[in-house]
């Protein structure tokens, strides 16, 4: 699974969102989640992985190692869904 965070714009959406987190699973499926703040990343991961069947859960998660994607909270979520 690969993922990346995009800052869409300085102008928020109608729902007050400013960020978009994109997941790509084995190059076949993509999921985009818009959200308001970067701190929501672990919660979004938890929700996405909770809805993923065990046989499709990622064994490797790739990122560009930006600070908001390298937190204790996100590592705890990934361990939870291992």
C-alpha atoms as a PDB file:
ATOM      1  CA  UNK A   1       0.000   0.000   0.000  1.00  0.00           C
ATOM      2  CA  UNK A   2       1.243   3.445  -0.886  1.00  0.00           C
ATOM      3  CA  UNK A   3      -0.189   6.687   0.384  1.00  0.00           C
ATOM      4  CA  UNK A   4       0.366  10.382   0.027  1.00  0.00           C
ATOM      5  CA  UNK A   5      -1.058  13.537   1.548  1.00  0.00           C
ATOM      6  CA  UNK A   6      -1.997  16.457  -0.657  1.00  0.00           C
ATOM      7  CA  UNK A   7      -2.699  19.968   0.494  1.00  0.00           C
ATOM      8  CA  UNK A   8      -5.423  20.841  -1.944  1.00  0.00           C
ATOM      9  CA  UNK A   9      -5.455  24.592  -1.561  1.00  0.00           C
ATOM     10  CA  UNK A  10      -5.299  27.448   0.859  1.00  0.00           C
ATOM     11  CA  UNK A  11      -9.042  27.730   0.228  1.00  0.00           C
ATOM     12  CA  UNK A  12     -11.050  25.120   2.137  1.00  0.00           C
ATOM     13  CA  UNK A  13     -13.799  23.024   0.582  1.00  0.00           C
ATOM     14  CA  UNK A  14     -17.462  23.584   1.425  1.00  0.00           C
ATOM     15  CA  UNK A  15     -17.026  20.980   4.183  1.00  0.00           C
ATOM     16  CA  UNK A  16     -14.015  22.932   5.582  1.00  0.00           C
ATOM     17  CA  UNK A  17     -11.525  20.334   4.340  1.00  0.00           C
ATOM     18  CA  UNK A  18      -8.090  21.242   3.122  1.00  0.00           C
ATOM     19  CA  UNK A  19      -6.212  17.946   2.784  1.00  0.00           C
ATOM     20  CA  UNK A  20      -6.609  14.801   0.727  1.00  0.00           C
ATOM     21  CA  UNK A  21      -5.073  11.479   1.759  1.00  0.00           C
ATOM     22  CA  UNK A  22      -4.761   9.013  -1.127  1.00  0.00           C
ATOM     23  CA  UNK A  23      -4.232   5.264  -0.662  1.00  0.00           C
ATOM     24  CA  UNK A  24      -3.159   3.018  -3.548  1.00  0.00           C
ATOM     25  CA  UNK A  25      -3.521  -0.699  -2.934  1.00  0.00           C
ATOM     26  CA  UNK A  26      -1.227  -2.923  -5.024  1.00  0.00           C
ATOM     27  CA  UNK A  27      -1.599  -0.576  -7.983  1.00  0.00           C
ATOM     28  CA  UNK A  28      -5.212  -1.621  -8.588  1.00  0.00           C
ATOM     29  CA  UNK A  29      -7.429   0.462  -6.358  1.00  0.00           C
ATOM     30  CA  UNK A  30      -7.193   4.030  -5.128  1.00  0.00           C
ATOM     31  CA  UNK A  31      -9.097   5.627  -2.280  1.00  0.00           C
ATOM     32  CA  UNK A  32      -9.124   9.350  -1.551  1.00  0.00           C
ATOM     33  CA  UNK A  33     -10.206  10.805   1.779  1.00  0.00           C
ATOM     34  CA  UNK A  34     -10.573  14.560   2.250  1.00  0.00           C
ATOM     35  CA  UNK A  35     -10.063  15.914   5.747  1.00  0.00           C
ATOM     36  CA  UNK A  36      -9.537  19.146   7.643  1.00  0.00           C
ATOM     37  CA  UNK A  37      -6.257  18.673   9.547  1.00  0.00           C
ATOM     38  CA  UNK A  38      -3.121  16.548   9.243  1.00  0.00           C
ATOM     39  CA  UNK A  39      -3.632  15.108  12.736  1.00  0.00           C
ATOM     40  CA  UNK A  40      -6.516  13.019  11.368  1.00  0.00           C
ATOM     41  CA  UNK A  41      -4.160  10.683   9.463  1.00  0.00           C
ATOM     42  CA  UNK A  42      -4.005   7.909  12.130  1.00  0.00           C
ATOM     43  CA  UNK A  43      -7.815   7.959  12.517  1.00  0.00           C
ATOM     44  CA  UNK A  44      -8.253   7.715   8.735  1.00  0.00           C
ATOM     45  CA  UNK A  45      -5.792   4.814   8.546  1.00  0.00           C
ATOM     46  CA  UNK A  46      -7.584   3.023  11.381  1.00  0.00           C
ATOM     47  CA  UNK A  47     -10.947   3.405   9.647  1.00  0.00           C
ATOM     48  CA  UNK A  48      -9.565   2.301   6.261  1.00  0.00           C
ATOM     49  CA  UNK A  49      -7.722  -0.720   7.651  1.00  0.00           C
ATOM     50  CA  UNK A  50     -10.726  -1.721   9.781  1.00  0.00           C
ATOM     51  CA  UNK A  51     -12.767  -1.996   6.575  1.00  0.00           C
ATOM     52  CA  UNK A  52     -10.089  -3.990   4.735  1.00  0.00           C
ATOM     53  CA  UNK A  53     -10.383  -7.798   4.836  1.00  0.00           C
ATOM     54  CA  UNK A  54      -7.389  -9.510   6.465  1.00  0.00           C
ATOM     55  CA  UNK A  55      -6.409 -11.151   3.188  1.00  0.00           C
ATOM     56  CA  UNK A  56      -6.043  -7.691   1.584  1.00  0.00           C
ATOM     57  CA  UNK A  57      -4.325  -5.825   4.420  1.00  0.00           C
ATOM     58  CA  UNK A  58      -0.962  -4.428   3.371  1.00  0.00           C
ATOM     59  CA  UNK A  59       2.285  -6.016   4.480  1.00  0.00           C
ATOM     60  CA  UNK A  60       4.265  -2.935   3.409  1.00  0.00           C
ATOM     61  CA  UNK A  61       3.212   0.704   3.696  1.00  0.00           C
ATOM     62  CA  UNK A  62       5.191   3.241   1.664  1.00  0.00           C
ATOM     63  CA  UNK A  63       5.405   6.952   2.274  1.00  0.00           C
ATOM     64  CA  UNK A  64       7.800   9.819   1.674  1.00  0.00           C
ATOM     65  CA  UNK A  65       8.572   9.922   5.446  1.00  0.00           C
ATOM     66  CA  UNK A  66       7.164  13.381   6.051  1.00  0.00           C
ATOM     67  CA  UNK A  67       6.851  14.159   9.748  1.00  0.00           C
ATOM     68  CA  UNK A  68       3.049  13.895   9.882  1.00  0.00           C
ATOM     69  CA  UNK A  69       3.264  10.364   8.484  1.00  0.00           C
ATOM     70  CA  UNK A  70       5.942   9.185  10.904  1.00  0.00           C
ATOM     71  CA  UNK A  71       4.203   9.427  14.277  1.00  0.00           C
ATOM     72  CA  UNK A  72       3.779   7.094  17.237  1.00  0.00           C
ATOM     73  CA  UNK A  73      -0.001   7.211  16.722  1.00  0.00           C
ATOM     74  CA  UNK A  74       0.239   6.029  13.110  1.00  0.00           C
ATOM     75  CA  UNK A  75       2.725   3.292  14.001  1.00  0.00           C
ATOM     76  CA  UNK A  76       0.328   2.094  16.733  1.00  0.00           C
ATOM     77  CA  UNK A  77      -2.529   1.905  14.199  1.00  0.00           C
ATOM     78  CA  UNK A  78      -0.357  -0.072  11.783  1.00  0.00           C
ATOM     79  CA  UNK A  79       0.660  -2.502  14.571  1.00  0.00           C
ATOM     80  CA  UNK A  80      -3.002  -2.901  15.541  1.00  0.00           C
ATOM     81  CA  UNK A  81      -3.903  -4.036  12.024  1.00  0.00           C
ATOM     82  CA  UNK A  82      -0.832  -6.169  11.415  1.00  0.00           C
END
